[in-house]
Amino acid sequence: MAGLNKIILVGTVLNDAETHFAVEGTARANFKLGVKTFSSGAASLMNVDIVVWGKLAESCAKLLKAGRMVLVEGALRIRSFEDQSGSRKWATEVSAGSLQLLDQKATAAPQATAVAAAEEEVPDLPEGDLPF
C-alpha cells in the first residue's frame, strides 16, 4: 500500500533560525513555527519544530527572523534518541523541503520571497488535450 507524508503549515517564526554544519559540511537550520489552531471555538498557538537542510538551510539563516510569516512544506518526522542520562526521548518535527516568505519586510530583498526549493514547472495544456 502506498503512503503519503506531506505537511503544509503557515505560521509565524518564533525564533531566529539556528544553523549548524555537520562534519561533512551539510547545513542544518532549526526554528520554531507558531501555528494557530482552533478547537471548540477557541484559538490556541501550536509550536512546531522545523528542520531545514542544505542550501535552503543557509538561506533560512540569513532570512528567517522571529516574527516573519512563512509557508512551510515538508514531511512529518518522528524520531527517538537517548539523552545524556540514557533516557529514551521522542521528537516530532517537520523536515522542510520548501519555504515561502509571506510577509513583505522592507529590509527583504525582492529575491527573498522566493526561498522555496526549486520546483518543476508544469506546462499549460492546450484546451483540446484536457483529460476530462
N, C-alpha and C. Protein backbone atom coordinates (compact mmCIF):
# COMPACT_ATOMS: atom_id res chain seq x y z
N MET A 1 0.84 -1.17 0.00
CA MET A 1 0.00 0.00 0.00
C MET A 1 0.89 1.24 0.00
N ALA A 2 0.59 2.18 -0.84
CA ALA A 2 1.35 3.42 -0.95
C ALA A 2 0.95 4.36 0.19
N GLY A 3 1.88 5.19 0.57
CA GLY A 3 1.62 6.16 1.62
C GLY A 3 2.02 7.55 1.16
N LEU A 4 1.61 8.52 1.93
CA LEU A 4 1.95 9.91 1.63
C LEU A 4 2.27 10.61 2.93
N ASN A 5 3.39 11.28 2.98
CA ASN A 5 3.79 12.04 4.15
C ASN A 5 4.10 13.45 3.68
N LYS A 6 3.11 14.32 3.72
CA LYS A 6 3.28 15.70 3.29
C LYS A 6 2.51 16.60 4.24
N ILE A 7 3.16 17.69 4.62
CA ILE A 7 2.53 18.64 5.53
C ILE A 7 2.79 20.05 5.01
N ILE A 8 1.78 20.89 5.09
CA ILE A 8 1.89 22.30 4.70
C ILE A 8 1.40 23.12 5.89
N LEU A 9 2.25 24.01 6.36
CA LEU A 9 1.92 24.86 7.51
C LEU A 9 2.16 26.32 7.16
N VAL A 10 1.31 27.19 7.69
CA VAL A 10 1.52 28.63 7.59
C VAL A 10 1.52 29.16 9.01
N GLY A 11 2.56 29.90 9.33
CA GLY A 11 2.65 30.43 10.68
C GLY A 11 3.72 31.49 10.81
N THR A 12 3.98 31.85 12.05
CA THR A 12 4.95 32.90 12.38
C THR A 12 6.20 32.26 12.96
N VAL A 13 7.35 32.67 12.47
CA VAL A 13 8.62 32.19 13.01
C VAL A 13 8.76 32.73 14.43
N LEU A 14 8.97 31.83 15.39
CA LEU A 14 9.02 32.23 16.80
C LEU A 14 10.43 32.57 17.28
N ASN A 15 11.45 32.06 16.61
CA ASN A 15 12.84 32.36 16.98
C ASN A 15 13.69 32.42 15.71
N ASP A 16 14.77 33.18 15.77
CA ASP A 16 15.68 33.24 14.63
C ASP A 16 16.18 31.82 14.32
N ALA A 17 16.31 31.50 13.04
CA ALA A 17 16.79 30.18 12.63
C ALA A 17 18.21 29.97 13.14
N GLU A 18 18.45 28.82 13.76
CA GLU A 18 19.78 28.45 14.24
C GLU A 18 20.39 27.50 13.22
N THR A 19 21.58 27.80 12.73
CA THR A 19 22.21 26.98 11.71
C THR A 19 23.43 26.27 12.29
N HIS A 20 23.55 25.00 11.93
CA HIS A 20 24.68 24.17 12.34
C HIS A 20 25.19 23.46 11.09
N PHE A 21 26.45 23.08 11.10
CA PHE A 21 27.02 22.35 9.98
C PHE A 21 27.48 20.98 10.45
N ALA A 22 27.10 19.94 9.71
CA ALA A 22 27.54 18.58 10.02
C ALA A 22 29.02 18.44 9.67
N VAL A 23 29.63 17.36 10.08
CA VAL A 23 31.05 17.12 9.84
C VAL A 23 31.37 17.20 8.35
N GLU A 24 30.49 16.64 7.51
CA GLU A 24 30.72 16.66 6.06
C GLU A 24 30.38 18.00 5.41
N GLY A 25 29.92 18.96 6.19
CA GLY A 25 29.68 20.31 5.68
C GLY A 25 28.24 20.63 5.33
N THR A 26 27.32 19.69 5.51
CA THR A 26 25.90 19.93 5.21
C THR A 26 25.30 20.86 6.26
N ALA A 27 24.62 21.90 5.79
CA ALA A 27 23.98 22.85 6.70
C ALA A 27 22.65 22.32 7.19
N ARG A 28 22.33 22.60 8.46
CA ARG A 28 21.03 22.27 9.04
C ARG A 28 20.55 23.47 9.83
N ALA A 29 19.34 23.92 9.57
CA ALA A 29 18.76 25.04 10.31
C ALA A 29 17.54 24.54 11.08
N ASN A 30 17.37 25.04 12.29
CA ASN A 30 16.22 24.71 13.14
C ASN A 30 15.53 26.00 13.55
N PHE A 31 14.20 25.95 13.58
CA PHE A 31 13.44 27.06 14.14
C PHE A 31 12.08 26.55 14.56
N LYS A 32 11.38 27.35 15.35
CA LYS A 32 10.03 27.00 15.78
C LYS A 32 9.04 27.87 15.00
N LEU A 33 7.96 27.23 14.59
CA LEU A 33 6.90 27.91 13.86
C LEU A 33 5.65 27.91 14.71
N GLY A 34 5.08 29.08 14.94
CA GLY A 34 3.83 29.19 15.68
C GLY A 34 2.66 29.12 14.71
N VAL A 35 1.81 28.10 14.90
CA VAL A 35 0.67 27.88 14.01
C VAL A 35 -0.60 27.95 14.84
N LYS A 36 -1.55 28.78 14.41
CA LYS A 36 -2.82 28.90 15.12
C LYS A 36 -3.66 27.66 14.86
N THR A 37 -4.28 27.14 15.92
CA THR A 37 -5.20 26.03 15.81
C THR A 37 -6.51 26.43 16.47
N PHE A 38 -7.59 25.82 16.03
CA PHE A 38 -8.91 26.13 16.57
C PHE A 38 -9.56 24.84 17.05
N SER A 39 -10.05 24.85 18.29
CA SER A 39 -10.72 23.70 18.85
C SER A 39 -11.86 24.19 19.72
N SER A 40 -13.04 23.71 19.46
CA SER A 40 -14.23 24.09 20.23
C SER A 40 -14.42 25.60 20.24
N GLY A 41 -14.13 26.25 19.13
CA GLY A 41 -14.32 27.69 19.00
C GLY A 41 -13.23 28.54 19.63
N ALA A 42 -12.26 27.92 20.28
CA ALA A 42 -11.18 28.68 20.91
C ALA A 42 -9.89 28.51 20.11
N ALA A 43 -9.14 29.59 19.97
CA ALA A 43 -7.88 29.56 19.23
C ALA A 43 -6.73 29.34 20.21
N SER A 44 -5.75 28.59 19.75
CA SER A 44 -4.52 28.41 20.53
C SER A 44 -3.35 28.39 19.57
N LEU A 45 -2.15 28.49 20.11
CA LEU A 45 -0.94 28.52 19.30
C LEU A 45 -0.17 27.23 19.51
N MET A 46 0.11 26.53 18.42
CA MET A 46 0.90 25.30 18.46
C MET A 46 2.31 25.62 17.99
N ASN A 47 3.31 25.22 18.76
CA ASN A 47 4.71 25.44 18.41
C ASN A 47 5.22 24.18 17.70
N VAL A 48 5.65 24.33 16.45
CA VAL A 48 6.10 23.20 15.64
C VAL A 48 7.60 23.36 15.37
N ASP A 49 8.37 22.32 15.65
CA ASP A 49 9.80 22.33 15.35
C ASP A 49 9.99 22.06 13.86
N ILE A 50 10.78 22.92 13.20
CA ILE A 50 11.06 22.81 11.77
C ILE A 50 12.56 22.58 11.59
N VAL A 51 12.91 21.64 10.71
CA VAL A 51 14.31 21.36 10.38
C VAL A 51 14.46 21.53 8.87
N VAL A 52 15.50 22.25 8.46
CA VAL A 52 15.76 22.52 7.05
C VAL A 52 17.20 22.10 6.76
N TRP A 53 17.46 21.53 5.58
CA TRP A 53 18.78 21.01 5.23
C TRP A 53 19.37 21.69 4.01
N GLY A 54 20.68 21.66 3.87
CA GLY A 54 21.39 22.08 2.66
C GLY A 54 21.36 23.58 2.40
N LYS A 55 21.30 23.92 1.10
CA LYS A 55 21.31 25.33 0.68
C LYS A 55 20.12 26.10 1.24
N LEU A 56 18.98 25.42 1.34
CA LEU A 56 17.80 26.07 1.90
C LEU A 56 18.04 26.45 3.35
N ALA A 57 18.78 25.63 4.09
CA ALA A 57 19.11 25.94 5.48
C ALA A 57 19.99 27.19 5.55
N GLU A 58 20.92 27.32 4.62
CA GLU A 58 21.78 28.51 4.60
C GLU A 58 20.96 29.77 4.32
N SER A 59 19.97 29.67 3.44
CA SER A 59 19.10 30.81 3.16
C SER A 59 18.26 31.16 4.38
N CYS A 60 17.79 30.14 5.09
CA CYS A 60 17.00 30.38 6.30
C CYS A 60 17.79 31.16 7.33
N ALA A 61 19.07 30.84 7.46
CA ALA A 61 19.91 31.53 8.44
C ALA A 61 19.96 33.02 8.17
N LYS A 62 19.94 33.40 6.89
CA LYS A 62 20.01 34.81 6.52
C LYS A 62 18.66 35.51 6.60
N LEU A 63 17.57 34.80 6.26
CA LEU A 63 16.28 35.45 6.07
C LEU A 63 15.26 35.25 7.19
N LEU A 64 15.34 34.14 7.91
CA LEU A 64 14.30 33.84 8.89
C LEU A 64 14.62 34.42 10.25
N LYS A 65 13.88 35.43 10.60
CA LYS A 65 13.99 36.08 11.90
C LYS A 65 12.65 35.96 12.60
N ALA A 66 12.65 36.03 13.90
CA ALA A 66 11.42 35.96 14.67
C ALA A 66 10.42 37.00 14.17
N GLY A 67 9.18 36.58 14.01
CA GLY A 67 8.12 37.47 13.56
C GLY A 67 7.78 37.34 12.09
N ARG A 68 8.65 36.69 11.29
CA ARG A 68 8.36 36.53 9.85
C ARG A 68 7.23 35.53 9.68
N MET A 69 6.37 35.78 8.69
CA MET A 69 5.29 34.86 8.35
C MET A 69 5.76 34.01 7.18
N VAL A 70 5.68 32.66 7.34
CA VAL A 70 6.17 31.76 6.30
C VAL A 70 5.20 30.62 6.05
N LEU A 71 5.30 30.08 4.84
CA LEU A 71 4.62 28.84 4.48
C LEU A 71 5.72 27.78 4.40
N VAL A 72 5.53 26.67 5.12
CA VAL A 72 6.50 25.58 5.14
C VAL A 72 5.84 24.35 4.54
N GLU A 73 6.54 23.71 3.62
CA GLU A 73 6.06 22.47 3.02
C GLU A 73 7.11 21.40 3.24
N GLY A 74 6.70 20.26 3.76
CA GLY A 74 7.68 19.22 4.04
C GLY A 74 7.02 17.93 4.47
N ALA A 75 7.74 17.16 5.28
CA ALA A 75 7.27 15.86 5.74
C ALA A 75 7.35 15.79 7.26
N LEU A 76 6.40 15.12 7.88
CA LEU A 76 6.40 14.93 9.32
C LEU A 76 7.40 13.83 9.67
N ARG A 77 8.20 14.09 10.69
CA ARG A 77 9.22 13.13 11.09
C ARG A 77 9.14 12.93 12.61
N ILE A 78 9.06 11.68 13.03
CA ILE A 78 9.07 11.35 14.45
C ILE A 78 10.30 10.47 14.68
N ARG A 79 11.15 10.89 15.59
CA ARG A 79 12.38 10.13 15.83
C ARG A 79 12.61 9.99 17.32
N SER A 80 13.42 9.01 17.68
CA SER A 80 13.75 8.81 19.09
C SER A 80 15.27 8.89 19.26
N PHE A 81 15.68 9.23 20.45
CA PHE A 81 17.10 9.33 20.77
C PHE A 81 17.27 9.15 22.27
N GLU A 82 18.50 8.92 22.70
CA GLU A 82 18.80 8.83 24.13
C GLU A 82 19.45 10.13 24.57
N ASP A 83 18.95 10.68 25.68
CA ASP A 83 19.56 11.91 26.20
C ASP A 83 20.81 11.56 27.00
N GLN A 84 21.44 12.55 27.61
CA GLN A 84 22.70 12.34 28.32
C GLN A 84 22.57 11.40 29.51
N SER A 85 21.37 11.32 30.07
CA SER A 85 21.16 10.43 31.22
C SER A 85 20.78 9.02 30.79
N GLY A 86 20.67 8.79 29.47
CA GLY A 86 20.34 7.46 28.97
C GLY A 86 18.85 7.20 28.80
N SER A 87 18.01 8.21 29.04
CA SER A 87 16.56 8.07 28.89
C SER A 87 16.17 8.19 27.42
N ARG A 88 15.20 7.40 27.00
CA ARG A 88 14.68 7.46 25.63
C ARG A 88 13.77 8.68 25.51
N LYS A 89 14.02 9.53 24.53
CA LYS A 89 13.22 10.72 24.26
C LYS A 89 12.67 10.63 22.84
N TRP A 90 11.56 11.29 22.60
CA TRP A 90 10.94 11.32 21.28
C TRP A 90 10.83 12.76 20.81
N ALA A 91 11.05 12.98 19.52
CA ALA A 91 10.93 14.32 18.93
C ALA A 91 10.03 14.24 17.69
N THR A 92 9.11 15.16 17.61
CA THR A 92 8.25 15.28 16.43
C THR A 92 8.60 16.60 15.77
N GLU A 93 8.91 16.55 14.47
CA GLU A 93 9.33 17.76 13.76
C GLU A 93 8.92 17.67 12.30
N VAL A 94 8.99 18.79 11.62
CA VAL A 94 8.73 18.84 10.19
C VAL A 94 10.07 19.03 9.49
N SER A 95 10.38 18.13 8.57
CA SER A 95 11.57 18.27 7.74
C SER A 95 11.14 19.03 6.50
N ALA A 96 11.52 20.31 6.41
CA ALA A 96 11.03 21.19 5.36
C ALA A 96 11.76 20.96 4.05
N GLY A 97 11.00 20.89 2.96
CA GLY A 97 11.57 20.79 1.62
C GLY A 97 11.52 22.11 0.89
N SER A 98 10.57 22.98 1.29
CA SER A 98 10.50 24.31 0.69
C SER A 98 9.87 25.28 1.69
N LEU A 99 10.21 26.54 1.51
CA LEU A 99 9.71 27.63 2.35
C LEU A 99 9.34 28.79 1.44
N GLN A 100 8.33 29.53 1.86
CA GLN A 100 7.99 30.74 1.13
C GLN A 100 7.68 31.83 2.14
N LEU A 101 8.37 32.96 2.01
CA LEU A 101 8.10 34.10 2.89
C LEU A 101 6.79 34.73 2.46
N LEU A 102 5.91 35.00 3.41
CA LEU A 102 4.59 35.54 3.09
C LEU A 102 4.45 37.01 3.45
N ASP A 103 5.33 37.52 4.28
CA ASP A 103 5.22 38.94 4.64
C ASP A 103 6.16 39.75 3.77
N GLN A 104 5.95 41.03 3.74
CA GLN A 104 6.77 41.94 2.93
C GLN A 104 7.54 42.86 3.85
N LYS A 105 8.68 42.41 4.33
CA LYS A 105 9.53 43.25 5.17
C LYS A 105 10.26 44.25 4.28
N ALA A 106 10.40 45.46 4.74
CA ALA A 106 11.07 46.50 3.96
C ALA A 106 12.54 46.17 3.73
N THR A 107 13.14 45.41 4.65
CA THR A 107 14.56 45.10 4.52
C THR A 107 14.82 43.89 3.64
N ALA A 108 13.78 43.15 3.29
CA ALA A 108 13.99 41.93 2.50
C ALA A 108 14.22 42.28 1.03
N ALA A 109 15.17 41.60 0.43
CA ALA A 109 15.43 41.78 -0.99
C ALA A 109 14.31 41.14 -1.80
N PRO A 110 14.06 41.61 -3.04
CA PRO A 110 12.98 41.02 -3.83
C PRO A 110 13.11 39.51 -4.02
N GLN A 111 14.34 38.99 -4.13
CA GLN A 111 14.50 37.56 -4.32
C GLN A 111 14.23 36.78 -3.03
N ALA A 112 14.11 37.47 -1.91
CA ALA A 112 13.89 36.79 -0.64
C ALA A 112 12.53 36.11 -0.59
N THR A 113 11.57 36.56 -1.35
CA THR A 113 10.26 35.94 -1.32
C THR A 113 10.26 34.61 -2.04
N ALA A 114 11.32 34.28 -2.74
CA ALA A 114 11.40 33.01 -3.46
C ALA A 114 12.42 32.10 -2.82
N VAL A 115 12.31 31.87 -1.52
CA VAL A 115 13.23 31.00 -0.81
C VAL A 115 12.92 29.54 -1.13
N ALA A 116 11.73 29.27 -1.63
CA ALA A 116 11.30 27.89 -1.85
C ALA A 116 12.28 27.12 -2.72
N ALA A 117 12.40 25.85 -2.42
CA ALA A 117 13.26 24.98 -3.22
C ALA A 117 12.73 24.93 -4.65
N ALA A 118 13.62 24.65 -5.57
CA ALA A 118 13.24 24.61 -6.98
C ALA A 118 12.16 23.55 -7.20
N GLU A 119 11.10 23.95 -7.86
CA GLU A 119 10.01 23.03 -8.17
C GLU A 119 9.84 22.98 -9.68
N GLU A 120 9.34 21.84 -10.16
CA GLU A 120 9.12 21.67 -11.60
C GLU A 120 8.08 22.65 -12.11
N GLU A 121 8.31 23.15 -13.30
CA GLU A 121 7.31 23.95 -13.98
C GLU A 121 6.34 23.00 -14.67
N VAL A 122 5.05 23.23 -14.52
CA VAL A 122 4.05 22.41 -15.19
C VAL A 122 3.58 23.18 -16.42
N PRO A 123 3.80 22.61 -17.62
CA PRO A 123 3.40 23.33 -18.83
C PRO A 123 1.89 23.41 -18.96
N ASP A 124 1.40 24.48 -19.58
CA ASP A 124 -0.02 24.62 -19.85
C ASP A 124 -0.41 23.65 -20.96
N LEU A 125 -1.55 22.99 -20.79
CA LEU A 125 -2.04 22.08 -21.82
C LEU A 125 -2.99 22.83 -22.75
N PRO A 126 -2.95 22.51 -24.04
CA PRO A 126 -3.95 23.10 -24.93
C PRO A 126 -5.34 22.64 -24.50
N GLU A 127 -6.36 23.47 -24.75
CA GLU A 127 -7.71 23.17 -24.28
C GLU A 127 -8.23 21.83 -24.77
N GLY A 128 -7.88 21.43 -25.98
CA GLY A 128 -8.38 20.17 -26.52
C GLY A 128 -7.73 18.95 -25.91
N ASP A 129 -6.65 19.11 -25.15
CA ASP A 129 -5.93 17.97 -24.59
C ASP A 129 -6.27 17.69 -23.12
N LEU A 130 -7.28 18.35 -22.58
CA LEU A 130 -7.65 18.11 -21.21
C LEU A 130 -8.27 16.73 -21.05
N PRO A 131 -7.87 15.96 -20.02
CA PRO A 131 -8.33 14.58 -19.89
C PRO A 131 -9.76 14.43 -19.35
N PHE A 132 -10.46 15.52 -19.10
CA PHE A 132 -11.82 15.39 -18.57
C PHE A 132 -12.75 16.32 -19.26
